[in-house]
Amino acid sequence: MARPLEPLADHDDTLEPAGGRRGGGIDLSSARAFAAALAALVIASLVVTQSVRTLQFVGTAAGNNFEAGTVTLTDDDEGRSLVDLRAMAPGRPVEQCLQVSYQGTILPADLAVKAVTNGSLAPYVLVTLEAGSGGRFGSCDGFEPSSTVFDGTVAGLVQRGQMPVGRIRNKDDGLSFRFRYELADDERAIGKTAVVDVLWEAEPS
C-alpha cells in the first residue's frame, strides 16, 4: 500500500408513492424519482505528468554525465472508469476510492487535481472528494480521511480548477482519495448526462 502524503459514508430499491396510488398510477414525487433515473454520469481518472527540463549533473571532470529527471504519476484504476452510472436517481449515492502514487526521481513534487466535463448534468451532481490513506480502486474499506479537498457540485469542481492535495517527498509515496457522488433532487436533471475526467498532476516544487 502506498505511504500517505503530508496532509495540505443497503438501499431499498422499492419506491413508494408519498400520497398513495390512484388507479395504478404514481404521484409526482415518485414520478420524478423514476424519471431522474435516466440521468447518467461517467467519471474517468487520468494522470498527467508535467514536462520538466531538470538535468542531473554527475562529476566534475571530462566525461561528465547528465541525466534528465523524471516525473511519473500513476493510479490504480488500470484504465477503468471510476464511476459509470447509467441510471442515477436522487437518494442513491455512490462511493469510489482510488490510490495515486509517484515514481518520479525529482523530489519534492506537488500533487494536484482538477476536473473537466462534457455534458449538461454536472450542475446537478453533488460530489465530495476526500484525501487520506487506505482504500483502493473498487473498495473504500480501510479508507481514513485526512482532509476534504472539495464538497459541492461537479460543475463547481470543474470551476475550481487545479487544487493542491499534498507534497511528495519520497519516491513511491502516494495518497488515497474517496469520491462520493449523488444526484440532486432536481427535476431539471431528468434525462441529462455528463462525462467527467478527473486529472491528477505532479509538478516539481
C-alpha atoms as a PDB file:
ATOM      1  CA  MET A   1       0.000   0.000   0.000  1.00  0.00           C
ATOM      2  CA  ALA A   2       1.301   3.448  -0.870  1.00  0.00           C
ATOM      3  CA  ARG A   3       2.513   5.605   2.001  1.00  0.00           C
ATOM      4  CA  PRO A   4       0.388   8.691   2.730  1.00  0.00           C
ATOM      5  CA  LEU A   5       1.484  12.167   1.718  1.00  0.00           C
ATOM      6  CA  GLU A   6       1.573  15.134   4.029  1.00  0.00           C
ATOM      7  CA  PRO A   7      -1.986  16.304   4.877  1.00  0.00           C
ATOM      8  CA  LEU A   8      -2.292  20.123   2.874  1.00  0.00           C
ATOM      9  CA  ALA A   9     -20.229   7.230   4.268  1.00  0.00           C
ATOM     10  CA  ASP A  10     -28.393  -1.184   1.818  1.00  0.00           C
ATOM     11  CA  HIS A  11     -30.577   0.726  -0.235  1.00  0.00           C
ATOM     12  CA  ASP A  12     -34.181  -0.342  -0.751  1.00  0.00           C
ATOM     13  CA  ASP A  13     -34.936  -0.216  -4.453  1.00  0.00           C
ATOM     14  CA  THR A  14     -38.702  -0.106  -3.859  1.00  0.00           C
ATOM     15  CA  LEU A  15     -40.179   3.347  -4.450  1.00  0.00           C
ATOM     16  CA  GLU A  16     -43.472   4.001  -2.630  1.00  0.00           C
ATOM     17  CA  PRO A  17     -45.747   6.944  -3.534  1.00  0.00           C
ATOM     18  CA  ALA A  18     -45.907   9.546  -0.788  1.00  0.00           C
ATOM     19  CA  GLY A  19     -49.645  10.033  -1.200  1.00  0.00           C
ATOM     20  CA  GLY A  20     -50.710   6.501  -2.124  1.00  0.00           C
ATOM     21  CA  ARG A  21     -51.753   5.081  -5.503  1.00  0.00           C
ATOM     22  CA  ARG A  22     -54.786   6.024  -7.543  1.00  0.00           C
ATOM     23  CA  GLY A  23     -55.833   3.856 -10.407  1.00  0.00           C
ATOM     24  CA  GLY A  24     -52.406   2.166 -10.556  1.00  0.00           C
ATOM     25  CA  GLY A  25     -50.537   5.474 -11.119  1.00  0.00           C
ATOM     26  CA  ILE A  26     -47.768   7.137  -9.067  1.00  0.00           C
ATOM     27  CA  ASP A  27     -47.662  10.591  -7.541  1.00  0.00           C
ATOM     28  CA  LEU A  28     -45.420  13.443  -8.714  1.00  0.00           C
ATOM     29  CA  SER A  29     -42.648  12.732  -6.194  1.00  0.00           C
ATOM     30  CA  SER A  30     -42.247   9.113  -7.298  1.00  0.00           C
ATOM     31  CA  ALA A  31     -42.566  10.065 -10.952  1.00  0.00           C
ATOM     32  CA  ARG A  32     -39.663  12.480 -10.574  1.00  0.00           C
ATOM     33  CA  ALA A  33     -37.549   9.822  -8.903  1.00  0.00           C
ATOM     34  CA  PHE A  34     -38.180   7.350 -11.724  1.00  0.00           C
ATOM     35  CA  ALA A  35     -37.595   9.948 -14.431  1.00  0.00           C
ATOM     36  CA  ALA A  36     -34.411  11.219 -12.806  1.00  0.00           C
ATOM     37  CA  ALA A  37     -33.054   7.692 -13.058  1.00  0.00           C
ATOM     38  CA  LEU A  38     -32.497   8.425 -16.727  1.00  0.00           C
ATOM     39  CA  ALA A  39     -29.618  10.727 -15.793  1.00  0.00           C
ATOM     40  CA  ALA A  40     -26.217   9.197 -16.498  1.00  0.00           C
ATOM     41  CA  LEU A  41     -22.734  10.012 -15.222  1.00  0.00           C
ATOM     42  CA  VAL A  42     -19.348   8.626 -16.264  1.00  0.00           C
ATOM     43  CA  ILE A  43     -16.204   9.577 -14.306  1.00  0.00           C
ATOM     44  CA  ALA A  44     -12.696   8.750 -15.502  1.00  0.00           C
ATOM     45  CA  SER A  45      -9.374   9.293 -13.715  1.00  0.00           C
ATOM     46  CA  LEU A  46      -6.338  10.355 -15.713  1.00  0.00           C
ATOM     47  CA  VAL A  47      -2.782  11.121 -14.628  1.00  0.00           C
ATOM     48  CA  VAL A  48      -0.755  13.925 -16.166  1.00  0.00           C
ATOM     49  CA  THR A  49       2.991  14.439 -15.729  1.00  0.00           C
ATOM     50  CA  GLN A  50       4.259  17.959 -16.134  1.00  0.00           C
ATOM     51  CA  SER A  51       7.120  18.212 -18.598  1.00  0.00           C
ATOM     52  CA  VAL A  52      10.388  19.322 -16.965  1.00  0.00           C
ATOM     53  CA  ARG A  53      13.836  20.291 -18.161  1.00  0.00           C
ATOM     54  CA  THR A  54      15.721  19.430 -14.993  1.00  0.00           C
ATOM     55  CA  LEU A  55      19.104  17.781 -15.565  1.00  0.00           C
ATOM     56  CA  GLN A  56      21.067  15.755 -13.064  1.00  0.00           C
ATOM     57  CA  PHE A  57      24.815  16.553 -13.122  1.00  0.00           C
ATOM     58  CA  VAL A  58      27.328  13.920 -12.072  1.00  0.00           C
ATOM     59  CA  GLY A  59      31.095  14.546 -11.626  1.00  0.00           C
ATOM     60  CA  THR A  60      33.399  17.489 -12.416  1.00  0.00           C
ATOM     61  CA  ALA A  61      35.921  16.110 -14.921  1.00  0.00           C
ATOM     62  CA  ALA A  62      35.812  15.233 -18.624  1.00  0.00           C
ATOM     63  CA  GLY A  63      33.127  12.698 -19.429  1.00  0.00           C
ATOM     64  CA  ASN A  64      30.579  14.219 -17.089  1.00  0.00           C
ATOM     65  CA  ASN A  65      27.174  12.532 -17.135  1.00  0.00           C
ATOM     66  CA  PHE A  66      23.865  14.330 -17.458  1.00  0.00           C
ATOM     67  CA  GLU A  67      20.514  12.677 -16.930  1.00  0.00           C
ATOM     68  CA  ALA A  68      17.041  14.219 -17.159  1.00  0.00           C
ATOM     69  CA  GLY A  69      14.928  13.782 -14.060  1.00  0.00           C
ATOM     70  CA  THR A  70      11.534  12.131 -14.339  1.00  0.00           C
ATOM     71  CA  VAL A  71       8.057  12.989 -13.080  1.00  0.00           C
ATOM     72  CA  THR A  72       5.946   9.814 -13.112  1.00  0.00           C
ATOM     73  CA  LEU A  73       2.483   9.543 -11.613  1.00  0.00           C
ATOM     74  CA  THR A  74       0.180   6.502 -11.645  1.00  0.00           C
ATOM     75  CA  ASP A  75      -3.190   5.455 -10.244  1.00  0.00           C
ATOM     76  CA  ASP A  76      -4.630   2.027  -9.541  1.00  0.00           C
ATOM     77  CA  ASP A  77      -7.755   2.060 -11.732  1.00  0.00           C
ATOM     78  CA  GLU A  78      -5.866   0.355 -14.606  1.00  0.00           C
ATOM     79  CA  GLY A  79      -7.667   2.456 -17.199  1.00  0.00           C
ATOM     80  CA  ARG A  80     -11.178   1.703 -15.914  1.00  0.00           C
ATOM     81  CA  SER A  81     -13.821   4.358 -15.250  1.00  0.00           C
ATOM     82  CA  LEU A  82     -14.045   5.485 -11.641  1.00  0.00           C
ATOM     83  CA  VAL A  83     -17.825   5.667 -11.915  1.00  0.00           C
ATOM     84  CA  ASP A  84     -20.152   4.533 -14.703  1.00  0.00           C
ATOM     85  CA  LEU A  85     -23.734   5.235 -13.654  1.00  0.00           C
ATOM     86  CA  ARG A  86     -26.290   4.785 -16.402  1.00  0.00           C
ATOM     87  CA  ALA A  87     -29.341   5.280 -14.177  1.00  0.00           C
ATOM     88  CA  MET A  88     -28.666   7.836 -11.446  1.00  0.00           C
ATOM     89  CA  ALA A  89     -31.504   8.755  -9.096  1.00  0.00           C
ATOM     90  CA  PRO A  90     -31.772  11.035  -6.038  1.00  0.00           C
ATOM     91  CA  GLY A  91     -31.098   9.355  -2.713  1.00  0.00           C
ATOM     92  CA  ARG A  92     -28.765   6.742  -4.177  1.00  0.00           C
ATOM     93  CA  PRO A  93     -25.213   7.986  -3.526  1.00  0.00           C
ATOM     94  CA  VAL A  94     -22.213   6.018  -4.744  1.00  0.00           C
ATOM     95  CA  GLU A  95     -18.648   5.928  -3.393  1.00  0.00           C
ATOM     96  CA  GLN A  96     -15.399   5.048  -5.091  1.00  0.00           C
ATOM     97  CA  CYS A  97     -11.785   5.136  -3.904  1.00  0.00           C
ATOM     98  CA  LEU A  98      -8.505   5.497  -5.769  1.00  0.00           C
ATOM     99  CA  GLN A  99      -4.802   5.396  -4.954  1.00  0.00           C
ATOM    100  CA  VAL A 100      -2.397   7.765  -6.700  1.00  0.00           C
ATOM    101  CA  SER A 101       1.350   7.149  -6.350  1.00  0.00           C
ATOM    102  CA  TYR A 102       4.545   8.841  -7.536  1.00  0.00           C
ATOM    103  CA  GLN A 103       7.552   7.089  -9.058  1.00  0.00           C
ATOM    104  CA  GLY A 104       9.463  10.126 -10.307  1.00  0.00           C
ATOM    105  CA  THR A 105      13.065  10.971  -9.474  1.00  0.00           C
ATOM    106  CA  ILE A 106      12.541  14.720  -8.991  1.00  0.00           C
ATOM    107  CA  LEU A 107      11.705  15.460  -5.358  1.00  0.00           C
ATOM    108  CA  PRO A 108       9.867  17.051  -3.759  1.00  0.00           C
ATOM    109  CA  ALA A 109       6.859  17.303  -6.051  1.00  0.00           C
ATOM    110  CA  ASP A 110       3.412  18.794  -5.554  1.00  0.00           C
ATOM    111  CA  LEU A 111       0.331  16.709  -6.330  1.00  0.00           C
ATOM    112  CA  ALA A 112      -2.797  18.466  -7.589  1.00  0.00           C
ATOM    113  CA  VAL A 113      -6.201  17.537  -9.008  1.00  0.00           C
ATOM    114  CA  LYS A 114      -8.637  19.190 -11.377  1.00  0.00           C
ATOM    115  CA  ALA A 115     -11.660  18.115 -13.419  1.00  0.00           C
ATOM    116  CA  VAL A 116     -13.052  18.777 -16.880  1.00  0.00           C
ATOM    117  CA  THR A 117     -16.523  17.834 -18.076  1.00  0.00           C
ATOM    118  CA  ASN A 118     -18.656  17.441 -21.150  1.00  0.00           C
ATOM    119  CA  GLY A 119     -22.437  17.314 -20.733  1.00  0.00           C
ATOM    120  CA  SER A 120     -25.270  19.147 -19.000  1.00  0.00           C
ATOM    121  CA  LEU A 121     -25.653  17.016 -15.849  1.00  0.00           C
ATOM    122  CA  ALA A 122     -22.649  18.445 -13.957  1.00  0.00           C
ATOM    123  CA  PRO A 123     -24.578  21.180 -12.060  1.00  0.00           C
ATOM    124  CA  TYR A 124     -26.939  18.538 -10.646  1.00  0.00           C
ATOM    125  CA  VAL A 125     -24.387  16.012  -9.344  1.00  0.00           C
ATOM    126  CA  LEU A 126     -23.149  16.511  -5.775  1.00  0.00           C
ATOM    127  CA  VAL A 127     -19.576  15.420  -5.136  1.00  0.00           C
ATOM    128  CA  THR A 128     -17.382  15.159  -2.048  1.00  0.00           C
ATOM    129  CA  LEU A 129     -13.675  14.456  -2.571  1.00  0.00           C
ATOM    130  CA  GLU A 130     -11.557  13.453   0.431  1.00  0.00           C
ATOM    131  CA  ALA A 131      -7.827  12.763   0.668  1.00  0.00           C
ATOM    132  CA  GLY A 132      -6.394  10.216   3.081  1.00  0.00           C
ATOM    133  CA  SER A 133      -4.879   6.749   3.349  1.00  0.00           C
ATOM    134  CA  GLY A 134      -6.134   3.206   2.865  1.00  0.00           C
ATOM    135  CA  GLY A 135      -8.762   2.104   0.396  1.00  0.00           C
ATOM    136  CA  ARG A 136      -8.137   1.340  -3.249  1.00  0.00           C
ATOM    137  CA  PHE A 137      -9.932   1.273  -6.581  1.00  0.00           C
ATOM    138  CA  GLY A 138     -13.038  -0.862  -6.211  1.00  0.00           C
ATOM    139  CA  SER A 139     -13.125  -0.730  -2.398  1.00  0.00           C
ATOM    140  CA  CYS A 140     -13.103   2.024   0.220  1.00  0.00           C
ATOM    141  CA  ASP A 141     -12.580  -0.458   3.060  1.00  0.00           C
ATOM    142  CA  GLY A 142      -9.978   0.928   5.438  1.00  0.00           C
ATOM    143  CA  PHE A 143     -10.020   4.442   3.997  1.00  0.00           C
ATOM    144  CA  GLU A 144      -9.014   7.035   6.608  1.00  0.00           C
ATOM    145  CA  PRO A 145      -9.668  10.658   5.545  1.00  0.00           C
ATOM    146  CA  SER A 146      -7.165  13.363   6.422  1.00  0.00           C
ATOM    147  CA  SER A 147      -8.776  16.308   4.624  1.00  0.00           C
ATOM    148  CA  THR A 148     -11.737  17.276   2.455  1.00  0.00           C
ATOM    149  CA  VAL A 149     -10.449  18.520  -0.887  1.00  0.00           C
ATOM    150  CA  PHE A 150     -13.832  19.582  -2.274  1.00  0.00           C
ATOM    151  CA  ASP A 151     -17.525  19.492  -1.339  1.00  0.00           C
ATOM    152  CA  GLY A 152     -20.036  20.834  -3.849  1.00  0.00           C
ATOM    153  CA  THR A 153     -21.269  20.028  -7.347  1.00  0.00           C
ATOM    154  CA  VAL A 154     -19.332  18.523 -10.242  1.00  0.00           C
ATOM    155  CA  ALA A 155     -19.762  21.839 -12.061  1.00  0.00           C
ATOM    156  CA  GLY A 156     -18.209  23.609  -9.075  1.00  0.00           C
ATOM    157  CA  LEU A 157     -15.333  21.126  -9.038  1.00  0.00           C
ATOM    158  CA  VAL A 158     -14.601  21.955 -12.670  1.00  0.00           C
ATOM    159  CA  GLN A 159     -14.795  25.695 -11.985  1.00  0.00           C
ATOM    160  CA  ARG A 160     -12.315  25.462  -9.091  1.00  0.00           C
ATOM    161  CA  GLY A 161      -9.572  24.400 -11.494  1.00  0.00           C
ATOM    162  CA  GLN A 162      -6.353  22.944 -10.122  1.00  0.00           C
ATOM    163  CA  MET A 163      -6.404  22.185  -6.391  1.00  0.00           C
ATOM    164  CA  PRO A 164      -3.317  21.118  -4.371  1.00  0.00           C
ATOM    165  CA  VAL A 165      -3.721  17.879  -2.417  1.00  0.00           C
ATOM    166  CA  GLY A 166      -0.256  17.199  -0.981  1.00  0.00           C
ATOM    167  CA  ARG A 167       3.524  17.281  -1.330  1.00  0.00           C
ATOM    168  CA  ILE A 168       5.551  14.205  -2.255  1.00  0.00           C
ATOM    169  CA  ARG A 169       8.932  13.952  -0.556  1.00  0.00           C
ATOM    170  CA  ASN A 170       9.880  10.330  -1.254  1.00  0.00           C
ATOM    171  CA  LYS A 171       9.726   8.095  -4.294  1.00  0.00           C
ATOM    172  CA  ASP A 172       6.754   5.699  -4.239  1.00  0.00           C
ATOM    173  CA  ASP A 173       4.833   7.926  -1.842  1.00  0.00           C
ATOM    174  CA  GLY A 174       1.123   8.034  -2.559  1.00  0.00           C
ATOM    175  CA  LEU A 175      -2.252   9.201  -1.390  1.00  0.00           C
ATOM    176  CA  SER A 176      -5.722   7.663  -1.406  1.00  0.00           C
ATOM    177  CA  PHE A 177      -8.869   9.526  -2.392  1.00  0.00           C
ATOM    178  CA  ARG A 178     -12.546   8.861  -1.760  1.00  0.00           C
ATOM    179  CA  PHE A 179     -15.248  10.207  -4.078  1.00  0.00           C
ATOM    180  CA  ARG A 180     -18.936  10.363  -3.139  1.00  0.00           C
ATOM    181  CA  TYR A 181     -21.450  11.214  -5.882  1.00  0.00           C
ATOM    182  CA  GLU A 182     -25.180  11.813  -5.575  1.00  0.00           C
ATOM    183  CA  LEU A 183     -27.789  13.163  -7.973  1.00  0.00           C
ATOM    184  CA  ALA A 184     -29.544  16.280  -6.686  1.00  0.00           C
ATOM    185  CA  ASP A 185     -33.318  16.036  -6.206  1.00  0.00           C
ATOM    186  CA  ASP A 186     -33.977  18.494  -9.023  1.00  0.00           C
ATOM    187  CA  GLU A 187     -36.307  17.733 -11.921  1.00  0.00           C
ATOM    188  CA  ARG A 188     -34.032  19.748 -14.217  1.00  0.00           C
ATOM    189  CA  ALA A 189     -31.585  16.803 -14.064  1.00  0.00           C
ATOM    190  CA  ILE A 190     -34.045  14.497 -15.813  1.00  0.00           C
ATOM    191  CA  GLY A 191     -32.549  12.905 -18.918  1.00  0.00           C
ATOM    192  CA  LYS A 192     -29.233  14.770 -18.710  1.00  0.00           C
ATOM    193  CA  THR A 193     -25.787  13.149 -18.996  1.00  0.00           C
ATOM    194  CA  ALA A 194     -22.184  14.087 -18.267  1.00  0.00           C
ATOM    195  CA  VAL A 195     -18.710  12.690 -18.814  1.00  0.00           C
ATOM    196  CA  VAL A 196     -16.097  13.914 -16.329  1.00  0.00           C
ATOM    197  CA  ASP A 197     -12.332  13.473 -16.416  1.00  0.00           C
ATOM    198  CA  VAL A 198     -10.519  13.833 -13.087  1.00  0.00           C
ATOM    199  CA  LEU A 199      -6.909  14.804 -13.776  1.00  0.00           C
ATOM    200  CA  TRP A 200      -4.077  14.173 -11.309  1.00  0.00           C
ATOM    201  CA  GLU A 201      -0.949  16.240 -11.862  1.00  0.00           C
ATOM    202  CA  ALA A 202       2.527  16.149 -10.310  1.00  0.00           C
ATOM    203  CA  GLU A 203       4.901  19.061 -10.654  1.00  0.00           C
ATOM    204  CA  PRO A 204       8.365  19.537  -9.117  1.00  0.00           C
ATOM    205  CA  SER A 205       8.291  22.069  -6.291  1.00  0.00           C
END
